[in-house]
Amino acid sequence: MPTIVTTSGLSADAYCDTCPTRAALDRLAGKWTVLIVDLLGDGRCRFRDLSKRIGGISQKMLTQTLRELEADGYVTRTVFPTIPPRVEYELTPLGNSLHELLSRIRDWAETNINEVEAARSRYANKQSESA
């Protein structure tokens, strides 16, 4: 039986352009989401530690992505009343269920990167030969 979207009363259908599942998939498909959720799968983490571990992410993008993940219920943000304030992020139960999937995707990408790069090279060579 399909999931009924509470806000519309309609069946969840990611192929329908007005279904909220499409926006959820857009969020999950982002490269920063995959990396942040995967890292938080190891346990709670401070902003600075996430920033150091994820090469190439700007402070703005990390902040934005963490806020989006918190808004969607995947991450909790805890502020400790210290000076300076200490902030930690961790996955919610929903976030942990997502981590199981995303960590497998990251593993797949790391395992198959040589095959992907070889295919890209073959494709580029084929394109340059036909030009």
N, C-alpha and C. Protein backbone atom coordinates (compact mmCIF):
# COMPACT_ATOMS: atom_id res chain seq x y z
N MET A 1 0.84 -1.18 0.00
CA MET A 1 0.00 0.00 0.00
C MET A 1 0.89 1.25 0.00
N PRO A 2 0.63 2.18 -0.91
CA PRO A 2 1.48 3.37 -1.00
C PRO A 2 1.29 4.30 0.21
N THR A 3 2.32 5.09 0.45
CA THR A 3 2.25 6.09 1.51
C THR A 3 1.35 7.23 1.05
N ILE A 4 0.49 7.69 1.95
CA ILE A 4 -0.37 8.83 1.66
C ILE A 4 0.30 10.08 2.27
N VAL A 5 0.47 11.10 1.44
CA VAL A 5 1.08 12.35 1.90
C VAL A 5 0.04 13.09 2.75
N THR A 6 0.38 13.32 4.00
CA THR A 6 -0.54 13.93 4.94
C THR A 6 -1.05 15.28 4.48
N THR A 7 -0.16 16.11 3.94
CA THR A 7 -0.55 17.47 3.56
C THR A 7 -1.50 17.54 2.38
N SER A 8 -1.47 16.54 1.50
CA SER A 8 -2.32 16.59 0.31
C SER A 8 -3.37 15.49 0.27
N GLY A 9 -3.14 14.41 1.02
CA GLY A 9 -4.06 13.28 0.97
C GLY A 9 -3.86 12.40 -0.26
N LEU A 10 -2.85 12.70 -1.05
CA LEU A 10 -2.56 11.93 -2.27
C LEU A 10 -1.47 10.91 -2.01
N SER A 11 -1.38 9.92 -2.87
CA SER A 11 -0.32 8.92 -2.77
C SER A 11 1.03 9.55 -3.08
N ALA A 12 2.05 9.16 -2.30
CA ALA A 12 3.41 9.63 -2.56
C ALA A 12 3.86 9.10 -3.91
N ASP A 13 4.33 10.01 -4.77
CA ASP A 13 4.78 9.65 -6.12
C ASP A 13 5.86 10.63 -6.56
N ALA A 14 7.11 10.22 -6.45
CA ALA A 14 8.24 11.10 -6.77
C ALA A 14 8.26 11.51 -8.24
N TYR A 15 7.53 10.80 -9.10
CA TYR A 15 7.49 11.17 -10.51
C TYR A 15 6.49 12.29 -10.78
N CYS A 16 5.66 12.60 -9.81
CA CYS A 16 4.68 13.70 -9.93
C CYS A 16 5.38 14.99 -9.51
N ASP A 17 5.31 16.01 -10.37
CA ASP A 17 6.04 17.25 -10.10
C ASP A 17 5.56 18.02 -8.89
N THR A 18 4.38 17.75 -8.39
CA THR A 18 3.87 18.47 -7.22
C THR A 18 3.97 17.67 -5.93
N CYS A 19 4.48 16.47 -6.00
CA CYS A 19 4.59 15.64 -4.80
C CYS A 19 5.78 16.09 -3.94
N PRO A 20 5.58 16.24 -2.63
CA PRO A 20 6.68 16.67 -1.76
C PRO A 20 7.86 15.70 -1.71
N THR A 21 7.66 14.46 -2.14
CA THR A 21 8.78 13.53 -2.14
C THR A 21 9.87 13.99 -3.12
N ARG A 22 9.48 14.73 -4.13
CA ARG A 22 10.47 15.24 -5.09
C ARG A 22 11.43 16.19 -4.39
N ALA A 23 10.92 17.08 -3.55
CA ALA A 23 11.79 18.01 -2.81
C ALA A 23 12.68 17.24 -1.83
N ALA A 24 12.13 16.20 -1.22
CA ALA A 24 12.93 15.39 -0.29
C ALA A 24 14.08 14.71 -1.05
N LEU A 25 13.80 14.19 -2.22
CA LEU A 25 14.85 13.56 -3.02
C LEU A 25 15.90 14.57 -3.47
N ASP A 26 15.46 15.77 -3.83
CA ASP A 26 16.41 16.82 -4.21
C ASP A 26 17.39 17.08 -3.07
N ARG A 27 16.88 17.16 -1.85
CA ARG A 27 17.73 17.42 -0.69
C ARG A 27 18.70 16.27 -0.49
N LEU A 28 18.22 15.04 -0.61
CA LEU A 28 19.06 13.87 -0.35
C LEU A 28 20.12 13.67 -1.42
N ALA A 29 19.87 14.16 -2.61
CA ALA A 29 20.81 13.96 -3.72
C ALA A 29 21.98 14.93 -3.68
N GLY A 30 21.95 15.91 -2.80
CA GLY A 30 23.04 16.87 -2.74
C GLY A 30 24.31 16.23 -2.19
N LYS A 31 25.46 16.59 -2.78
CA LYS A 31 26.72 15.98 -2.35
C LYS A 31 27.04 16.30 -0.91
N TRP A 32 26.68 17.49 -0.43
CA TRP A 32 26.99 17.84 0.95
C TRP A 32 26.13 17.04 1.91
N THR A 33 24.88 16.80 1.55
CA THR A 33 23.99 15.99 2.40
C THR A 33 24.58 14.60 2.59
N VAL A 34 25.00 13.98 1.52
CA VAL A 34 25.56 12.62 1.59
C VAL A 34 26.76 12.59 2.54
N LEU A 35 27.66 13.55 2.38
CA LEU A 35 28.88 13.56 3.18
C LEU A 35 28.61 13.89 4.65
N ILE A 36 27.74 14.86 4.91
CA ILE A 36 27.43 15.24 6.29
C ILE A 36 26.72 14.11 7.01
N VAL A 37 25.70 13.54 6.39
CA VAL A 37 24.97 12.44 7.04
C VAL A 37 25.88 11.25 7.26
N ASP A 38 26.75 10.96 6.30
CA ASP A 38 27.66 9.83 6.47
C ASP A 38 28.62 10.06 7.64
N LEU A 39 29.18 11.26 7.75
CA LEU A 39 30.07 11.55 8.87
C LEU A 39 29.35 11.50 10.21
N LEU A 40 28.15 12.06 10.26
CA LEU A 40 27.40 12.06 11.51
C LEU A 40 26.95 10.65 11.90
N GLY A 41 27.00 9.73 10.96
CA GLY A 41 26.69 8.34 11.28
C GLY A 41 27.69 7.74 12.25
N ASP A 42 28.86 8.35 12.37
CA ASP A 42 29.87 7.90 13.32
C ASP A 42 29.62 8.45 14.72
N GLY A 43 28.66 9.36 14.85
CA GLY A 43 28.34 9.93 16.16
C GLY A 43 28.30 11.45 16.09
N ARG A 44 27.95 12.04 17.21
CA ARG A 44 27.80 13.50 17.26
C ARG A 44 29.12 14.18 16.93
N CYS A 45 28.98 15.38 16.35
CA CYS A 45 30.17 16.07 15.84
C CYS A 45 29.97 17.58 15.94
N ARG A 46 31.06 18.29 16.17
CA ARG A 46 31.03 19.74 16.21
C ARG A 46 31.16 20.30 14.79
N PHE A 47 30.66 21.51 14.61
CA PHE A 47 30.69 22.18 13.32
C PHE A 47 32.12 22.22 12.77
N ARG A 48 33.05 22.65 13.61
CA ARG A 48 34.45 22.77 13.19
C ARG A 48 35.01 21.44 12.68
N ASP A 49 34.66 20.35 13.37
CA ASP A 49 35.15 19.04 12.96
C ASP A 49 34.57 18.61 11.62
N LEU A 50 33.29 18.90 11.41
CA LEU A 50 32.67 18.60 10.12
C LEU A 50 33.37 19.40 9.02
N SER A 51 33.60 20.67 9.29
CA SER A 51 34.24 21.55 8.31
C SER A 51 35.64 21.06 7.94
N LYS A 52 36.40 20.61 8.92
CA LYS A 52 37.76 20.11 8.66
C LYS A 52 37.73 18.81 7.86
N ARG A 53 36.77 17.95 8.17
CA ARG A 53 36.74 16.62 7.55
C ARG A 53 36.22 16.64 6.12
N ILE A 54 35.31 17.56 5.80
CA ILE A 54 34.71 17.59 4.46
C ILE A 54 35.45 18.61 3.61
N GLY A 55 36.39 18.14 2.83
CA GLY A 55 37.18 19.01 1.98
C GLY A 55 36.33 19.74 0.96
N GLY A 56 36.58 21.05 0.82
CA GLY A 56 35.92 21.83 -0.22
C GLY A 56 34.59 22.45 0.16
N ILE A 57 34.06 22.15 1.34
CA ILE A 57 32.78 22.75 1.72
C ILE A 57 33.04 24.10 2.38
N SER A 58 32.30 25.10 1.97
CA SER A 58 32.43 26.42 2.59
C SER A 58 31.64 26.44 3.90
N GLN A 59 31.97 27.38 4.74
CA GLN A 59 31.25 27.53 6.01
C GLN A 59 29.78 27.82 5.73
N LYS A 60 29.52 28.62 4.71
CA LYS A 60 28.14 28.96 4.34
C LYS A 60 27.37 27.72 3.92
N MET A 61 27.96 26.87 3.07
CA MET A 61 27.26 25.66 2.59
C MET A 61 27.06 24.66 3.72
N LEU A 62 28.05 24.54 4.61
CA LEU A 62 27.90 23.62 5.74
C LEU A 62 26.77 24.10 6.64
N THR A 63 26.75 25.38 6.94
CA THR A 63 25.68 25.94 7.77
C THR A 63 24.32 25.72 7.12
N GLN A 64 24.22 26.05 5.84
CA GLN A 64 22.95 25.92 5.12
C GLN A 64 22.48 24.48 5.08
N THR A 65 23.38 23.56 4.78
CA THR A 65 22.99 22.15 4.69
C THR A 65 22.60 21.60 6.05
N LEU A 66 23.33 21.96 7.09
CA LEU A 66 22.96 21.51 8.44
C LEU A 66 21.59 22.04 8.84
N ARG A 67 21.30 23.29 8.52
CA ARG A 67 19.98 23.86 8.82
C ARG A 67 18.87 23.12 8.08
N GLU A 68 19.12 22.80 6.81
CA GLU A 68 18.12 22.07 6.02
C GLU A 68 17.91 20.67 6.59
N LEU A 69 19.00 20.01 6.96
CA LEU A 69 18.89 18.66 7.53
C LEU A 69 18.16 18.69 8.88
N GLU A 70 18.38 19.75 9.63
CA GLU A 70 17.68 19.90 10.91
C GLU A 70 16.19 20.15 10.65
N ALA A 71 15.89 21.02 9.69
CA ALA A 71 14.49 21.33 9.36
C ALA A 71 13.74 20.10 8.89
N ASP A 72 14.42 19.21 8.18
CA ASP A 72 13.78 17.99 7.66
C ASP A 72 13.73 16.86 8.69
N GLY A 73 14.34 17.07 9.85
CA GLY A 73 14.27 16.07 10.91
C GLY A 73 15.34 15.00 10.88
N TYR A 74 16.41 15.21 10.10
CA TYR A 74 17.49 14.22 10.01
C TYR A 74 18.57 14.46 11.06
N VAL A 75 18.70 15.71 11.51
CA VAL A 75 19.79 16.12 12.40
C VAL A 75 19.23 16.93 13.57
N THR A 76 19.83 16.75 14.73
CA THR A 76 19.53 17.64 15.86
C THR A 76 20.76 18.48 16.14
N ARG A 77 20.51 19.68 16.60
CA ARG A 77 21.56 20.65 16.93
C ARG A 77 21.44 20.94 18.42
N THR A 78 22.54 20.74 19.14
CA THR A 78 22.54 20.99 20.57
C THR A 78 23.57 22.06 20.89
N VAL A 79 23.11 23.12 21.58
CA VAL A 79 23.99 24.21 21.99
C VAL A 79 24.26 24.05 23.47
N PHE A 80 25.54 24.02 23.83
CA PHE A 80 25.95 23.90 25.22
C PHE A 80 26.31 25.30 25.74
N PRO A 81 25.78 25.67 26.90
CA PRO A 81 25.99 27.03 27.42
C PRO A 81 27.38 27.23 28.02
N THR A 82 28.37 27.19 27.18
CA THR A 82 29.74 27.44 27.59
C THR A 82 30.21 28.73 26.93
N ILE A 83 31.37 29.18 27.31
CA ILE A 83 31.93 30.37 26.66
C ILE A 83 33.25 29.96 26.02
N PRO A 84 33.36 30.00 24.70
CA PRO A 84 32.28 30.28 23.75
C PRO A 84 31.29 29.12 23.69
N PRO A 85 30.08 29.34 23.17
CA PRO A 85 29.10 28.27 23.09
C PRO A 85 29.63 27.10 22.25
N ARG A 86 29.36 25.90 22.70
CA ARG A 86 29.73 24.69 21.96
C ARG A 86 28.47 24.15 21.30
N VAL A 87 28.55 23.86 20.01
CA VAL A 87 27.41 23.35 19.25
C VAL A 87 27.78 22.00 18.67
N GLU A 88 26.91 21.03 18.87
CA GLU A 88 27.12 19.69 18.32
C GLU A 88 25.90 19.27 17.52
N TYR A 89 26.19 18.46 16.51
CA TYR A 89 25.15 17.93 15.64
C TYR A 89 25.17 16.42 15.73
N GLU A 90 23.98 15.82 15.65
CA GLU A 90 23.91 14.36 15.59
C GLU A 90 22.67 13.95 14.83
N LEU A 91 22.70 12.72 14.35
CA LEU A 91 21.57 12.20 13.58
C LEU A 91 20.42 11.83 14.50
N THR A 92 19.21 12.06 14.01
CA THR A 92 18.00 11.60 14.67
C THR A 92 17.78 10.14 14.24
N PRO A 93 16.79 9.45 14.79
CA PRO A 93 16.48 8.11 14.28
C PRO A 93 16.19 8.11 12.77
N LEU A 94 15.49 9.14 12.30
CA LEU A 94 15.23 9.25 10.86
C LEU A 94 16.55 9.43 10.11
N GLY A 95 17.44 10.26 10.65
CA GLY A 95 18.74 10.47 10.03
C GLY A 95 19.58 9.20 10.02
N ASN A 96 19.49 8.41 11.10
CA ASN A 96 20.23 7.15 11.15
C ASN A 96 19.73 6.18 10.08
N SER A 97 18.43 6.16 9.83
CA SER A 97 17.92 5.26 8.78
C SER A 97 18.41 5.73 7.42
N LEU A 98 18.54 7.04 7.23
CA LEU A 98 19.08 7.58 5.98
C LEU A 98 20.57 7.28 5.86
N HIS A 99 21.28 7.35 6.98
CA HIS A 99 22.72 7.06 6.98
C HIS A 99 23.01 5.67 6.43
N GLU A 100 22.20 4.71 6.81
CA GLU A 100 22.41 3.34 6.32
C GLU A 100 22.44 3.30 4.80
N LEU A 101 21.55 4.04 4.16
CA LEU A 101 21.50 4.06 2.70
C LEU A 101 22.65 4.87 2.10
N LEU A 102 22.88 6.06 2.63
CA LEU A 102 23.90 6.93 2.05
C LEU A 102 25.31 6.40 2.22
N SER A 103 25.56 5.72 3.34
CA SER A 103 26.91 5.16 3.51
C SER A 103 27.17 4.06 2.49
N ARG A 104 26.13 3.32 2.13
CA ARG A 104 26.29 2.30 1.09
C ARG A 104 26.55 2.94 -0.27
N ILE A 105 25.92 4.08 -0.54
CA ILE A 105 26.17 4.79 -1.80
C ILE A 105 27.60 5.31 -1.83
N ARG A 106 28.08 5.90 -0.72
CA ARG A 106 29.47 6.38 -0.67
C ARG A 106 30.43 5.21 -0.85
N ASP A 107 30.17 4.10 -0.18
CA ASP A 107 31.02 2.90 -0.34
C ASP A 107 31.05 2.46 -1.79
N TRP A 108 29.89 2.45 -2.43
CA TRP A 108 29.80 2.04 -3.84
C TRP A 108 30.66 2.97 -4.70
N ALA A 109 30.54 4.29 -4.46
CA ALA A 109 31.30 5.26 -5.26
C ALA A 109 32.81 5.05 -5.07
N GLU A 110 33.25 4.84 -3.83
CA GLU A 110 34.67 4.63 -3.58
C GLU A 110 35.15 3.32 -4.19
N THR A 111 34.33 2.29 -4.17
CA THR A 111 34.71 0.99 -4.72
C THR A 111 34.77 1.00 -6.24
N ASN A 112 33.87 1.74 -6.87
CA ASN A 112 33.73 1.69 -8.32
C ASN A 112 34.30 2.90 -9.07
N ILE A 113 35.03 3.77 -8.38
CA ILE A 113 35.50 4.99 -9.03
C ILE A 113 36.41 4.71 -10.22
N ASN A 114 37.24 3.68 -10.17
CA ASN A 114 38.13 3.40 -11.30
C ASN A 114 37.34 3.00 -12.54
N GLU A 115 36.29 2.22 -12.35
CA GLU A 115 35.45 1.83 -13.49
C GLU A 115 34.72 3.04 -14.06
N VAL A 116 34.24 3.92 -13.21
CA VAL A 116 33.55 5.13 -13.66
C VAL A 116 34.50 6.03 -14.44
N GLU A 117 35.70 6.23 -13.91
CA GLU A 117 36.67 7.08 -14.61
C GLU A 117 37.10 6.48 -15.94
N ALA A 118 37.24 5.16 -15.99
CA ALA A 118 37.59 4.50 -17.26
C ALA A 118 36.48 4.70 -18.29
N ALA A 119 35.23 4.58 -17.86
CA ALA A 119 34.10 4.78 -18.77
C ALA A 119 34.07 6.22 -19.27
N ARG A 120 34.33 7.17 -18.38
CA ARG A 120 34.37 8.57 -18.79
C ARG A 120 35.46 8.82 -19.82
N SER A 121 36.60 8.21 -19.61
CA SER A 121 37.71 8.36 -20.54
C SER A 121 37.36 7.77 -21.91
N ARG A 122 36.78 6.58 -21.90
CA ARG A 122 36.36 5.95 -23.17
C ARG A 122 35.35 6.83 -23.89
N TYR A 123 34.40 7.38 -23.15
CA TYR A 123 33.38 8.24 -23.73
C TYR A 123 34.01 9.50 -24.33
N ALA A 124 34.92 10.13 -23.59
CA ALA A 124 35.58 11.35 -24.08
C ALA A 124 36.38 11.05 -25.35
N ASN A 125 37.08 9.91 -25.38
CA ASN A 125 37.85 9.53 -26.56
C ASN A 125 36.93 9.29 -27.76
N LYS A 126 35.82 8.65 -27.49
CA LYS A 126 34.84 8.37 -28.55
C LYS A 126 34.27 9.68 -29.10
N GLN A 127 34.01 10.64 -28.23
CA GLN A 127 33.47 11.93 -28.65
C GLN A 127 34.49 12.71 -29.47
N SER A 128 35.75 12.66 -29.06
CA SER A 128 36.77 13.42 -29.80
C SER A 128 37.07 12.78 -31.16
N GLU A 129 36.92 11.46 -31.27
CA GLU A 129 37.14 10.78 -32.55
C GLU A 129 36.04 11.09 -33.53
N SER A 130 34.82 11.28 -33.04
CA SER A 130 33.70 11.54 -33.94
C SER A 130 33.55 13.02 -34.29
N ALA A 131 34.33 13.87 -33.65
CA ALA A 131 34.23 15.33 -33.91
C ALA A 131 35.04 15.74 -35.11
